Structure formats: C-alpha cells, structure tokens
Amino acid sequence: MVINFPLNISINRVIHLSHIIDQNIPKWPGDPAVELEPVAEIATDGYFLRRFSLGEHSATHINAPNSFDINGAGIETYPAESLIAPAIIIDVRQPAAVNPDYLLTVEDVLNWENQFGLVPCGSIVIVFTGWQFKWADSQEFFNQDAAGKMHFPGFSSNATKFLLSERKIAGVGIDTHGVDSGQDDNFATNHQVLAQGGIVLENLTNLDQLPAQGTLLVIGILRLRGGSGSPAAVMALVP
C-alpha cells in the first residue's frame, strides 16, 4: 500500500506507541544518561522550563542512514510524507518467550500472509515480541549474560531482505532496543533498511493494542541537522 494524498481515513482510536521518557529508561550500554534539569521555576521566574538531554537513539526512536554509513543521510532529510505509513503487526511473542534470541523468519511472514493477505507495499512491518512489558526493568529488557552479551529478539537478515525485495516495504519496527537482535553485532537489518532510506523504529510500546493490519502510523521526529536518529513520537491511527 502506498499512501496517496489527499488522505481519507476513518479513525476510531489514536494510540501512543512511544514510551514516556524519564531518567530511569533502559539505556544502551555507553549511551549518555537522560538529563532533565529545571532552568526556570514558576515561583521565581513566573514560568516553568527544563533543559533536557538524551542520546539520539534513546527511548522510542528512529534511526537515520548516517548511524551506520559515514556517507548516509541525516534524520533531517526524511521527507514529511515518508513519516506517514501503514503498518502491519507480526506477533512473535510465543517463540520469543521460549527463545530470547528469536529472529523473525520468512516463514513467519508467509504465515502472517496466509491469515491476512500479502504484506502491503509501502508498509512498515512491526514485530511484536512482548519486550515492551520488560521496559520498567533495564536488566530484564537487555537480558545480558555473564559475558555482557545481550539477548533480545529481532529480524533475521533473510526476512528483512525478503520484505524489502519481494514486498517493497517502507520500513521496520520493534518493541525491543533494536530491530537487530542482541546477538547481531553486524546490525544487518539496520544496514539493509537504511541503505534504502527506509524507516527503522525501535523501543515501540502498546503494540498489544493494535490490530494485525489497518493501522496508520504518524511518526514525529526532531529534525536534528546531521542527526543519526531522533527520539520519536509515534502515533497509531486505528480504524
């Protein structure tokens, strides 16, 4: 499905897919801390204002091509229309509960299609792993072993290649800290999607409130010049 403008849609629900940001959110090892510092108070200044600081890939966020390619584009170059896209949800909670290193397979995609039809062209494929429910516990969310290796699910390289080449998707998303699993140091899915200027959304939430198909995403970004990504306000418009 490709979005055609003007857009006529029927909306029954609007759902936040972004986590609330505070100083206790799970932070990727080595990323800067979240800082929230008051700089004006109502009692003394007549208004309330804070300074905030966090990494470009902290909280619910979108990645940009230059996060993995020195010659890649920054987040400010994404066209506005690319930030509105239909989404489908593939639920892998059951296998991910058994195997935290579970990778979405081509078979998973085909099984979804047997129920709902072909993955629409131009859609964002979101994998629902259940990791959104672990967000309040950083240790459980990253699931590091004694060697410091992280264990959380993601997309397999083959599934990503299939979705991009055979289904012409616009991007991918997930409720873990990476569309690439905690075991993938090569970030294969990020590389494949971002090489095409596609959308990569990580740390999504409230995926349990979405239908398997029919949702429209509106992705709000900070247009940071040269940004490797941006915290994102992702809204689901549900028919």
Protein backbone atom coordinates (compact mmCIF):
# COMPACT_ATOMS: atom_id res chain seq x y z
CA MET A 1 0.00 0.00 0.00
CA VAL A 2 1.30 3.41 -0.95
CA ILE A 3 -0.15 6.49 0.76
CA ASN A 4 -1.99 8.71 -1.68
CA PHE A 5 -2.78 12.31 -0.77
CA PRO A 6 -5.27 13.77 0.00
CA LEU A 7 -5.81 11.05 2.60
CA ASN A 8 -9.31 9.92 3.57
CA ILE A 9 -9.34 7.69 6.63
CA SER A 10 -11.73 6.61 9.36
CA ILE A 11 -10.19 6.68 12.86
CA ASN A 12 -11.70 5.03 15.93
CA ARG A 13 -8.66 5.17 18.22
CA VAL A 14 -5.36 7.05 18.47
CA ILE A 15 -2.66 5.26 20.45
CA HIS A 16 0.75 6.38 21.67
CA LEU A 17 3.43 3.91 20.53
CA SER A 18 6.21 5.83 22.33
CA HIS A 19 7.40 5.24 25.87
CA ILE A 20 7.33 8.08 28.38
CA ILE A 21 10.85 9.49 28.80
CA ASP A 22 12.37 9.83 32.25
CA GLN A 23 15.79 9.33 33.82
CA ASN A 24 15.18 5.63 34.52
CA ILE A 25 14.51 4.36 31.00
CA PRO A 26 16.65 1.46 29.74
CA LYS A 27 19.83 2.91 28.25
CA TRP A 28 22.00 1.17 25.65
CA PRO A 29 25.45 0.48 27.16
CA GLY A 30 27.66 3.50 26.54
CA ASP A 31 24.83 5.87 25.65
CA PRO A 32 24.54 9.17 27.55
CA ALA A 33 22.26 9.42 30.55
CA VAL A 34 18.88 11.11 30.30
CA GLU A 35 19.11 14.51 32.00
CA LEU A 36 16.16 16.71 32.97
CA GLU A 37 17.25 19.94 34.64
CA PRO A 38 14.94 22.81 35.68
CA VAL A 39 16.14 26.19 34.41
CA ALA A 40 13.09 28.27 35.36
CA GLU A 41 10.53 27.89 38.14
CA ILE A 42 7.09 29.44 38.42
CA ALA A 43 7.77 30.71 41.95
CA THR A 44 10.87 32.67 40.91
CA ASP A 45 10.57 33.20 37.15
CA GLY A 46 6.85 33.15 36.50
CA TYR A 47 7.06 30.08 34.26
CA PHE A 48 8.39 26.50 34.32
CA LEU A 49 11.10 25.32 31.91
CA ARG A 50 13.53 22.43 31.82
CA ARG A 51 16.61 21.62 29.80
CA PHE A 52 16.74 18.03 28.62
CA SER A 53 19.50 15.87 27.18
CA LEU A 54 19.46 12.31 25.87
CA GLY A 55 21.04 10.22 23.14
CA GLU A 56 19.66 10.33 19.62
CA HIS A 57 18.86 6.62 19.91
CA SER A 58 17.32 6.73 23.39
CA ALA A 59 13.72 5.90 24.30
CA THR A 60 11.36 5.22 21.39
CA HIS A 61 13.38 6.40 18.41
CA ILE A 62 14.01 6.37 14.68
CA ASN A 63 17.40 5.64 13.12
CA ALA A 64 18.92 7.54 10.20
CA PRO A 65 21.21 6.17 7.45
CA ASN A 66 24.27 8.00 8.80
CA SER A 67 24.08 5.99 12.02
CA PHE A 68 25.62 3.06 10.12
CA ASP A 69 27.04 4.70 6.97
CA ILE A 70 29.50 7.60 7.15
CA ASN A 71 28.08 8.90 3.87
CA GLY A 72 24.46 8.32 4.86
CA ALA A 73 21.82 11.00 5.18
CA GLY A 74 20.88 12.59 8.49
CA ILE A 75 17.46 12.38 10.09
CA GLU A 76 16.51 15.90 8.95
CA THR A 77 16.43 14.73 5.33
CA TYR A 78 13.46 12.39 5.72
CA PRO A 79 10.55 13.79 3.67
CA ALA A 80 7.42 14.56 5.67
CA GLU A 81 5.35 12.12 3.62
CA SER A 82 7.73 9.26 4.48
CA LEU A 83 6.76 9.67 8.13
CA ILE A 84 3.16 8.66 7.49
CA ALA A 85 2.79 4.99 6.58
CA PRO A 86 0.51 1.98 7.04
CA ALA A 87 1.71 -0.66 9.47
CA ILE A 88 1.22 -4.36 9.99
CA ILE A 89 1.95 -6.25 13.21
CA ILE A 90 3.56 -9.70 13.29
CA ASP A 91 3.19 -11.27 16.73
CA VAL A 92 6.15 -13.46 17.74
CA ARG A 93 5.59 -13.34 21.50
CA GLN A 94 5.22 -17.10 21.81
CA PRO A 95 8.54 -18.16 20.22
CA ALA A 96 10.34 -15.15 21.76
CA ALA A 97 9.21 -16.20 25.24
CA VAL A 98 10.92 -19.55 24.69
CA ASN A 99 13.98 -18.20 22.88
CA PRO A 100 15.02 -14.60 23.69
CA ASP A 101 17.34 -14.67 20.66
CA TYR A 102 14.43 -15.42 18.33
CA LEU A 103 14.64 -13.95 14.83
CA LEU A 104 11.66 -13.19 12.60
CA THR A 105 11.79 -15.62 9.68
CA VAL A 106 10.45 -15.59 6.13
CA GLU A 107 8.14 -18.40 7.27
CA ASP A 108 6.70 -16.09 9.95
CA VAL A 109 5.93 -13.54 7.23
CA LEU A 110 4.31 -16.14 4.99
CA ASN A 111 2.24 -17.47 7.90
CA TRP A 112 1.01 -13.92 8.56
CA GLU A 113 0.13 -13.57 4.88
CA ASN A 114 -1.85 -16.83 4.95
CA GLN A 115 -4.13 -15.15 7.50
CA PHE A 116 -4.22 -11.55 6.34
CA GLY A 117 -3.06 -11.38 2.73
CA LEU A 118 0.16 -10.06 1.24
CA VAL A 119 2.18 -7.54 3.23
CA PRO A 120 1.16 -4.22 1.62
CA CYS A 121 3.74 -2.40 -0.46
CA GLY A 122 4.96 0.71 1.32
CA SER A 123 4.06 -0.53 4.78
CA ILE A 124 6.09 -0.63 7.97
CA VAL A 125 6.43 -4.15 9.36
CA ILE A 126 6.37 -4.15 13.16
CA VAL A 127 7.42 -7.19 15.15
CA PHE A 128 5.66 -7.57 18.50
CA THR A 129 7.98 -9.57 20.76
CA GLY A 130 6.44 -8.74 24.16
CA TRP A 131 9.60 -6.90 25.20
CA GLN A 132 7.54 -3.75 25.76
CA PHE A 133 6.38 -5.33 29.03
CA LYS A 134 10.01 -5.53 30.25
CA TRP A 135 10.65 -1.79 29.83
CA ALA A 136 10.48 -0.99 33.55
CA ASP A 137 13.42 -3.31 34.28
CA SER A 138 16.61 -2.49 32.35
CA GLN A 139 18.27 -5.78 33.29
CA GLU A 140 15.34 -7.80 32.01
CA PHE A 141 14.95 -5.60 28.93
CA PHE A 142 18.55 -6.00 27.75
CA ASN A 143 18.87 -9.52 29.22
CA GLN A 144 22.68 -9.51 29.38
CA ASP A 145 24.52 -12.71 30.17
CA ALA A 146 27.64 -13.07 32.33
CA ALA A 147 29.81 -12.01 29.38
CA GLY A 148 27.74 -8.88 28.84
CA LYS A 149 26.10 -10.19 25.65
CA MET A 150 22.51 -9.04 25.19
CA HIS A 151 19.67 -11.41 24.43
CA PHE A 152 16.54 -10.00 22.83
CA PRO A 153 14.65 -10.84 19.61
CA GLY A 154 14.87 -9.13 16.24
CA PHE A 155 14.53 -9.50 12.48
CA SER A 156 16.57 -12.09 10.62
CA SER A 157 18.63 -10.80 7.73
CA ASN A 158 16.78 -13.14 5.34
CA ALA A 159 13.34 -11.93 6.45
CA THR A 160 14.42 -8.31 6.03
CA LYS A 161 15.80 -9.00 2.56
CA PHE A 162 12.56 -10.75 1.59
CA LEU A 163 10.37 -7.92 2.89
CA LEU A 164 12.42 -5.26 1.11
CA SER A 165 12.87 -7.02 -2.22
CA GLU A 166 9.65 -9.02 -2.53
CA ARG A 167 7.16 -6.90 -0.60
CA LYS A 168 8.70 -3.44 -1.14
CA ILE A 169 8.11 -2.35 2.45
CA ALA A 170 8.86 1.17 3.69
CA GLY A 171 10.48 0.14 6.96
CA VAL A 172 10.54 -1.93 10.11
CA GLY A 173 9.81 -1.51 13.80
CA ILE A 174 10.02 -3.46 17.05
CA ASP A 175 9.41 -3.20 20.79
CA THR A 176 13.00 -4.14 21.70
CA HIS A 177 16.02 -1.81 21.68
CA GLY A 178 16.97 -2.98 18.21
CA VAL A 179 15.44 -4.38 15.03
CA ASP A 180 18.63 -6.43 15.01
CA SER A 181 18.70 -8.96 17.82
CA GLY A 182 21.01 -8.57 20.81
CA GLN A 183 23.23 -11.22 19.19
CA ASP A 184 23.70 -9.36 15.88
CA ASP A 185 26.82 -7.21 16.08
CA ASN A 186 26.63 -6.53 12.33
CA PHE A 187 23.24 -4.74 12.54
CA ALA A 188 22.19 -6.44 9.31
CA THR A 189 18.57 -5.25 9.28
CA ASN A 190 19.51 -1.66 10.05
CA HIS A 191 22.03 -1.70 7.21
CA GLN A 192 19.57 -3.13 4.70
CA VAL A 193 16.66 -0.84 5.53
CA LEU A 194 18.65 2.37 5.98
CA ALA A 195 20.59 1.79 2.76
CA GLN A 196 17.23 2.33 1.04
CA GLY A 197 16.35 5.37 3.13
CA GLY A 198 13.70 3.35 4.95
CA ILE A 199 12.17 3.73 8.39
CA VAL A 200 13.66 1.96 11.44
CA LEU A 201 11.68 2.32 14.69
CA GLU A 202 12.89 0.85 17.98
CA ASN A 203 11.55 0.68 21.55
CA LEU A 204 7.92 0.85 20.49
CA THR A 205 5.17 0.16 23.02
CA ASN A 206 1.41 -0.53 23.23
CA LEU A 207 1.66 -2.95 20.33
CA ASP A 208 -0.85 -5.17 22.12
CA GLN A 209 -3.49 -2.53 21.35
CA LEU A 210 -3.02 -2.71 17.57
CA PRO A 211 -4.74 -4.95 15.03
CA ALA A 212 -2.64 -7.10 12.73
CA GLN A 213 -3.38 -4.77 9.84
CA GLY A 214 -5.11 -1.48 9.06
CA THR A 215 -3.14 0.87 11.34
CA LEU A 216 -1.68 4.12 10.01
CA LEU A 217 1.47 5.44 11.69
CA VAL A 218 2.34 9.11 12.13
CA ILE A 219 5.99 9.48 13.15
CA GLY A 220 7.11 12.71 14.79
CA ILE A 221 10.84 13.41 14.77
CA LEU A 222 13.27 16.08 15.95
CA ARG A 223 14.85 17.41 12.76
CA LEU A 224 18.38 17.45 14.16
CA ARG A 225 20.81 18.60 11.49
CA GLY A 226 23.08 15.66 10.72
CA GLY A 227 21.27 13.59 13.35
CA SER A 228 21.97 9.87 13.46
CA GLY A 229 18.41 9.43 14.62
CA SER A 230 15.88 11.05 16.88
CA PRO A 231 13.61 10.26 19.79
CA ALA A 232 10.25 9.77 18.11
CA ALA A 233 6.64 10.45 18.98
CA VAL A 234 4.90 7.62 17.15
CA MET A 235 1.11 7.70 16.94
CA ALA A 236 -1.07 4.85 15.70
CA LEU A 237 -4.32 5.82 13.97
CA VAL A 238 -6.51 2.74 14.30
CA PRO A 239 -9.68 2.33 12.17
